[in-house]
Amino acid sequence: MLKLGFFASIATIVGALAFATLTAAPADADGTACVHKDLKTEMIKQACAKGGQQEAKTAMKQFMKEKKIKSCNECHAKLSPSYDLKPDGLEQFQKAGGK
């Protein structure tokens, strides 16, 4: 009977730690915060303030559709999760009419 009590205690501790680990994830882990903190365009600043990363992606997709830009890779060297710009990515965005 003592072994059963010891096992139940261990199982309770492990379960509590697992639950705490899953629920204590930072807010950024769910993809809501924008990756870049130094935003150089008004459109993306506003989108990030409004709805985070997902809103920024939606705004950029809408911009691309309006300007008939075929691929994100025209300005971005890398996409998710870092969305690194090409050296001339910001310049291309501005030439297309972005602010």
N, C-alpha and C. Protein backbone atom coordinates (compact mmCIF):
# COMPACT_ATOMS: atom_id res chain seq x y z
N MET A 1 0.82 -1.18 0.00
CA MET A 1 0.00 0.00 0.00
C MET A 1 0.87 1.25 0.00
N LEU A 2 2.02 1.19 0.64
CA LEU A 2 2.93 2.32 0.70
C LEU A 2 3.46 2.65 -0.70
N LYS A 3 3.75 1.62 -1.49
CA LYS A 3 4.23 1.84 -2.86
C LYS A 3 3.17 2.54 -3.70
N LEU A 4 1.92 2.18 -3.53
CA LEU A 4 0.84 2.80 -4.29
C LEU A 4 0.72 4.29 -3.95
N GLY A 5 0.84 4.63 -2.69
CA GLY A 5 0.79 6.03 -2.26
C GLY A 5 1.96 6.81 -2.83
N PHE A 6 3.15 6.21 -2.81
CA PHE A 6 4.35 6.87 -3.36
C PHE A 6 4.18 7.09 -4.86
N PHE A 7 3.69 6.08 -5.57
CA PHE A 7 3.46 6.20 -7.01
C PHE A 7 2.43 7.29 -7.31
N ALA A 8 1.36 7.35 -6.54
CA ALA A 8 0.33 8.37 -6.74
C ALA A 8 0.89 9.77 -6.51
N SER A 9 1.75 9.93 -5.53
CA SER A 9 2.37 11.23 -5.26
C SER A 9 3.26 11.66 -6.42
N ILE A 10 4.07 10.74 -6.91
CA ILE A 10 4.96 11.03 -8.03
C ILE A 10 4.13 11.39 -9.27
N ALA A 11 3.08 10.63 -9.54
CA ALA A 11 2.23 10.88 -10.70
C ALA A 11 1.56 12.26 -10.59
N THR A 12 1.16 12.64 -9.41
CA THR A 12 0.53 13.95 -9.20
C THR A 12 1.53 15.07 -9.46
N ILE A 13 2.73 14.93 -8.96
CA ILE A 13 3.77 15.95 -9.16
C ILE A 13 4.11 16.08 -10.64
N VAL A 14 4.31 14.95 -11.32
CA VAL A 14 4.64 14.97 -12.74
C VAL A 14 3.50 15.60 -13.54
N GLY A 15 2.28 15.25 -13.22
CA GLY A 15 1.12 15.82 -13.91
C GLY A 15 1.01 17.32 -13.70
N ALA A 16 1.25 17.77 -12.48
CA ALA A 16 1.19 19.20 -12.19
C ALA A 16 2.28 19.96 -12.95
N LEU A 17 3.47 19.41 -12.99
CA LEU A 17 4.56 20.05 -13.73
C LEU A 17 4.26 20.10 -15.23
N ALA A 18 3.72 19.03 -15.75
CA ALA A 18 3.38 19.01 -17.18
C ALA A 18 2.31 20.04 -17.49
N PHE A 19 1.30 20.14 -16.66
CA PHE A 19 0.24 21.12 -16.86
C PHE A 19 0.79 22.54 -16.76
N ALA A 20 1.63 22.79 -15.77
CA ALA A 20 2.20 24.13 -15.60
C ALA A 20 3.09 24.51 -16.78
N THR A 21 3.82 23.57 -17.31
CA THR A 21 4.70 23.83 -18.46
C THR A 21 3.87 24.19 -19.69
N LEU A 22 2.79 23.49 -19.92
CA LEU A 22 1.95 23.75 -21.09
C LEU A 22 1.18 25.06 -20.98
N THR A 23 0.73 25.41 -19.79
CA THR A 23 -0.08 26.62 -19.65
C THR A 23 0.75 27.87 -19.41
N ALA A 24 2.02 27.74 -19.10
CA ALA A 24 2.85 28.90 -18.80
C ALA A 24 3.64 29.38 -20.01
N ALA A 25 3.19 29.03 -21.20
CA ALA A 25 3.89 29.46 -22.41
C ALA A 25 3.77 30.97 -22.55
N PRO A 26 4.82 31.64 -23.00
CA PRO A 26 4.75 33.08 -23.18
C PRO A 26 3.75 33.47 -24.26
N ALA A 27 3.26 34.70 -24.20
CA ALA A 27 2.26 35.17 -25.15
C ALA A 27 2.78 35.14 -26.58
N ASP A 28 4.08 35.35 -26.77
CA ASP A 28 4.66 35.36 -28.11
C ASP A 28 4.68 33.97 -28.75
N ALA A 29 4.59 32.94 -27.95
CA ALA A 29 4.71 31.59 -28.48
C ALA A 29 3.53 31.21 -29.37
N ASP A 30 2.41 31.88 -29.22
CA ASP A 30 1.26 31.52 -30.05
C ASP A 30 1.26 32.25 -31.38
N GLY A 31 2.32 33.00 -31.67
CA GLY A 31 2.44 33.65 -32.96
C GLY A 31 1.70 34.97 -33.07
N THR A 32 1.27 35.53 -31.94
CA THR A 32 0.51 36.77 -32.01
C THR A 32 1.39 38.00 -32.11
N ALA A 33 2.55 37.96 -31.52
CA ALA A 33 3.43 39.14 -31.54
C ALA A 33 4.23 39.17 -32.84
N CYS A 34 4.49 40.36 -33.33
CA CYS A 34 5.30 40.50 -34.54
C CYS A 34 6.75 40.14 -34.24
N VAL A 35 7.39 39.50 -35.20
CA VAL A 35 8.76 39.03 -35.03
C VAL A 35 9.73 40.21 -34.92
N HIS A 36 9.61 41.15 -35.83
CA HIS A 36 10.51 42.31 -35.83
C HIS A 36 9.99 43.36 -34.87
N LYS A 37 10.88 43.98 -34.15
CA LYS A 37 10.50 45.05 -33.22
C LYS A 37 10.78 46.43 -33.80
N ASP A 38 11.73 46.53 -34.73
CA ASP A 38 12.08 47.80 -35.36
C ASP A 38 11.38 47.84 -36.73
N LEU A 39 10.12 48.25 -36.72
CA LEU A 39 9.32 48.25 -37.93
C LEU A 39 9.51 49.57 -38.68
N LYS A 40 9.79 49.47 -39.97
CA LYS A 40 10.14 50.65 -40.76
C LYS A 40 9.01 51.12 -41.66
N THR A 41 7.87 50.46 -41.64
CA THR A 41 6.75 50.88 -42.49
C THR A 41 5.52 51.12 -41.62
N GLU A 42 4.76 52.12 -41.98
CA GLU A 42 3.54 52.47 -41.25
C GLU A 42 2.51 51.35 -41.32
N MET A 43 2.38 50.74 -42.50
CA MET A 43 1.39 49.70 -42.68
C MET A 43 1.61 48.55 -41.70
N ILE A 44 2.85 48.11 -41.59
CA ILE A 44 3.15 46.98 -40.72
C ILE A 44 3.10 47.40 -39.25
N LYS A 45 3.54 48.60 -38.92
CA LYS A 45 3.42 49.08 -37.53
C LYS A 45 1.97 49.04 -37.08
N GLN A 46 1.07 49.54 -37.92
CA GLN A 46 -0.34 49.57 -37.57
C GLN A 46 -0.92 48.16 -37.48
N ALA A 47 -0.53 47.31 -38.41
CA ALA A 47 -1.04 45.94 -38.41
C ALA A 47 -0.56 45.17 -37.18
N CYS A 48 0.69 45.35 -36.81
CA CYS A 48 1.23 44.67 -35.63
C CYS A 48 0.54 45.16 -34.36
N ALA A 49 0.27 46.46 -34.30
CA ALA A 49 -0.42 47.01 -33.13
C ALA A 49 -1.86 46.49 -33.06
N LYS A 50 -2.47 46.32 -34.20
CA LYS A 50 -3.87 45.88 -34.26
C LYS A 50 -4.04 44.40 -33.95
N GLY A 51 -3.21 43.56 -34.60
CA GLY A 51 -3.45 42.12 -34.45
C GLY A 51 -2.23 41.24 -34.51
N GLY A 52 -1.05 41.82 -34.37
CA GLY A 52 0.16 41.02 -34.33
C GLY A 52 0.58 40.45 -35.67
N GLN A 53 1.32 39.36 -35.59
CA GLN A 53 1.93 38.75 -36.78
C GLN A 53 0.89 38.37 -37.83
N GLN A 54 -0.22 37.81 -37.41
CA GLN A 54 -1.23 37.38 -38.37
C GLN A 54 -1.82 38.59 -39.11
N GLU A 55 -2.06 39.67 -38.41
CA GLU A 55 -2.60 40.88 -39.05
C GLU A 55 -1.58 41.47 -40.02
N ALA A 56 -0.29 41.41 -39.66
CA ALA A 56 0.77 41.91 -40.56
C ALA A 56 0.81 41.09 -41.84
N LYS A 57 0.69 39.77 -41.71
CA LYS A 57 0.68 38.91 -42.90
C LYS A 57 -0.53 39.22 -43.78
N THR A 58 -1.67 39.41 -43.16
CA THR A 58 -2.89 39.73 -43.91
C THR A 58 -2.73 41.06 -44.64
N ALA A 59 -2.18 42.06 -43.97
CA ALA A 59 -1.97 43.37 -44.59
C ALA A 59 -1.01 43.27 -45.77
N MET A 60 0.07 42.52 -45.61
CA MET A 60 1.04 42.37 -46.70
C MET A 60 0.42 41.61 -47.87
N LYS A 61 -0.36 40.60 -47.60
CA LYS A 61 -1.02 39.85 -48.68
C LYS A 61 -1.98 40.74 -49.46
N GLN A 62 -2.71 41.60 -48.73
CA GLN A 62 -3.62 42.53 -49.38
C GLN A 62 -2.84 43.53 -50.24
N PHE A 63 -1.72 44.03 -49.70
CA PHE A 63 -0.86 44.96 -50.44
C PHE A 63 -0.34 44.30 -51.71
N MET A 64 0.11 43.06 -51.58
CA MET A 64 0.63 42.33 -52.74
C MET A 64 -0.45 42.14 -53.80
N LYS A 65 -1.66 41.85 -53.37
CA LYS A 65 -2.76 41.66 -54.30
C LYS A 65 -3.07 42.96 -55.04
N GLU A 66 -3.11 44.07 -54.30
CA GLU A 66 -3.39 45.37 -54.91
C GLU A 66 -2.31 45.79 -55.90
N LYS A 67 -1.06 45.50 -55.57
CA LYS A 67 0.08 45.93 -56.39
C LYS A 67 0.50 44.87 -57.40
N LYS A 68 -0.22 43.75 -57.42
CA LYS A 68 0.05 42.64 -58.34
C LYS A 68 1.47 42.10 -58.20
N ILE A 69 1.89 41.95 -56.94
CA ILE A 69 3.18 41.33 -56.62
C ILE A 69 2.92 39.84 -56.47
N LYS A 70 3.67 39.03 -57.19
CA LYS A 70 3.38 37.60 -57.27
C LYS A 70 3.90 36.77 -56.10
N SER A 71 4.99 37.19 -55.46
CA SER A 71 5.59 36.35 -54.44
C SER A 71 6.18 37.17 -53.29
N CYS A 72 6.07 36.65 -52.11
CA CYS A 72 6.68 37.28 -50.93
C CYS A 72 8.21 37.32 -51.08
N ASN A 73 8.73 36.36 -51.84
CA ASN A 73 10.18 36.24 -52.00
C ASN A 73 10.78 37.35 -52.86
N GLU A 74 9.96 38.22 -53.41
CA GLU A 74 10.51 39.36 -54.14
C GLU A 74 11.18 40.33 -53.18
N CYS A 75 10.69 40.42 -51.96
CA CYS A 75 11.27 41.33 -50.96
C CYS A 75 11.91 40.59 -49.79
N HIS A 76 11.40 39.40 -49.48
CA HIS A 76 11.88 38.66 -48.32
C HIS A 76 12.88 37.56 -48.72
N ALA A 77 14.00 37.54 -48.02
CA ALA A 77 14.99 36.48 -48.23
C ALA A 77 14.52 35.19 -47.57
N LYS A 78 13.83 35.33 -46.44
CA LYS A 78 13.35 34.20 -45.66
C LYS A 78 11.95 34.53 -45.16
N LEU A 79 11.09 33.54 -45.13
CA LEU A 79 9.76 33.76 -44.60
C LEU A 79 9.70 33.26 -43.16
N SER A 80 8.61 32.68 -42.77
CA SER A 80 8.38 32.28 -41.39
C SER A 80 9.54 31.47 -40.83
N PRO A 81 9.95 31.68 -39.63
CA PRO A 81 9.40 32.59 -38.63
C PRO A 81 10.08 33.96 -38.58
N SER A 82 11.18 34.16 -39.29
CA SER A 82 11.95 35.40 -39.11
C SER A 82 11.61 36.51 -40.10
N TYR A 83 11.08 36.17 -41.27
CA TYR A 83 10.68 37.15 -42.29
C TYR A 83 11.81 38.16 -42.60
N ASP A 84 13.00 37.64 -42.82
CA ASP A 84 14.15 38.49 -43.14
C ASP A 84 13.97 39.13 -44.50
N LEU A 85 14.26 40.43 -44.58
CA LEU A 85 14.17 41.15 -45.84
C LEU A 85 15.45 40.97 -46.65
N LYS A 86 15.31 41.04 -47.96
CA LYS A 86 16.48 41.12 -48.83
C LYS A 86 17.09 42.51 -48.63
N PRO A 87 18.35 42.70 -49.01
CA PRO A 87 18.99 44.01 -48.83
C PRO A 87 18.19 45.17 -49.45
N ASP A 88 17.50 44.90 -50.55
CA ASP A 88 16.71 45.95 -51.20
C ASP A 88 15.20 45.76 -51.00
N GLY A 89 14.82 44.94 -50.03
CA GLY A 89 13.40 44.63 -49.80
C GLY A 89 12.57 45.85 -49.43
N LEU A 90 13.06 46.67 -48.53
CA LEU A 90 12.33 47.87 -48.12
C LEU A 90 12.21 48.85 -49.29
N GLU A 91 13.28 48.97 -50.05
CA GLU A 91 13.28 49.85 -51.23
C GLU A 91 12.24 49.37 -52.25
N GLN A 92 12.17 48.07 -52.48
CA GLN A 92 11.18 47.52 -53.42
C GLN A 92 9.75 47.79 -52.92
N PHE A 93 9.54 47.64 -51.63
CA PHE A 93 8.24 47.90 -51.02
C PHE A 93 7.84 49.36 -51.25
N GLN A 94 8.77 50.28 -51.03
CA GLN A 94 8.49 51.70 -51.21
C GLN A 94 8.25 52.05 -52.68
N LYS A 95 9.01 51.43 -53.59
CA LYS A 95 8.80 51.67 -55.02
C LYS A 95 7.42 51.19 -55.47
N ALA A 96 6.91 50.16 -54.83
CA ALA A 96 5.59 49.64 -55.17
C ALA A 96 4.46 50.51 -54.58
N GLY A 97 4.84 51.47 -53.76
CA GLY A 97 3.85 52.38 -53.20
C GLY A 97 3.60 52.21 -51.72
N GLY A 98 4.37 51.37 -51.08
CA GLY A 98 4.21 51.16 -49.64
C GLY A 98 4.80 52.29 -48.82
N LYS A 99 4.19 52.54 -47.68
CA LYS A 99 4.66 53.60 -46.79
C LYS A 99 4.93 53.06 -45.41
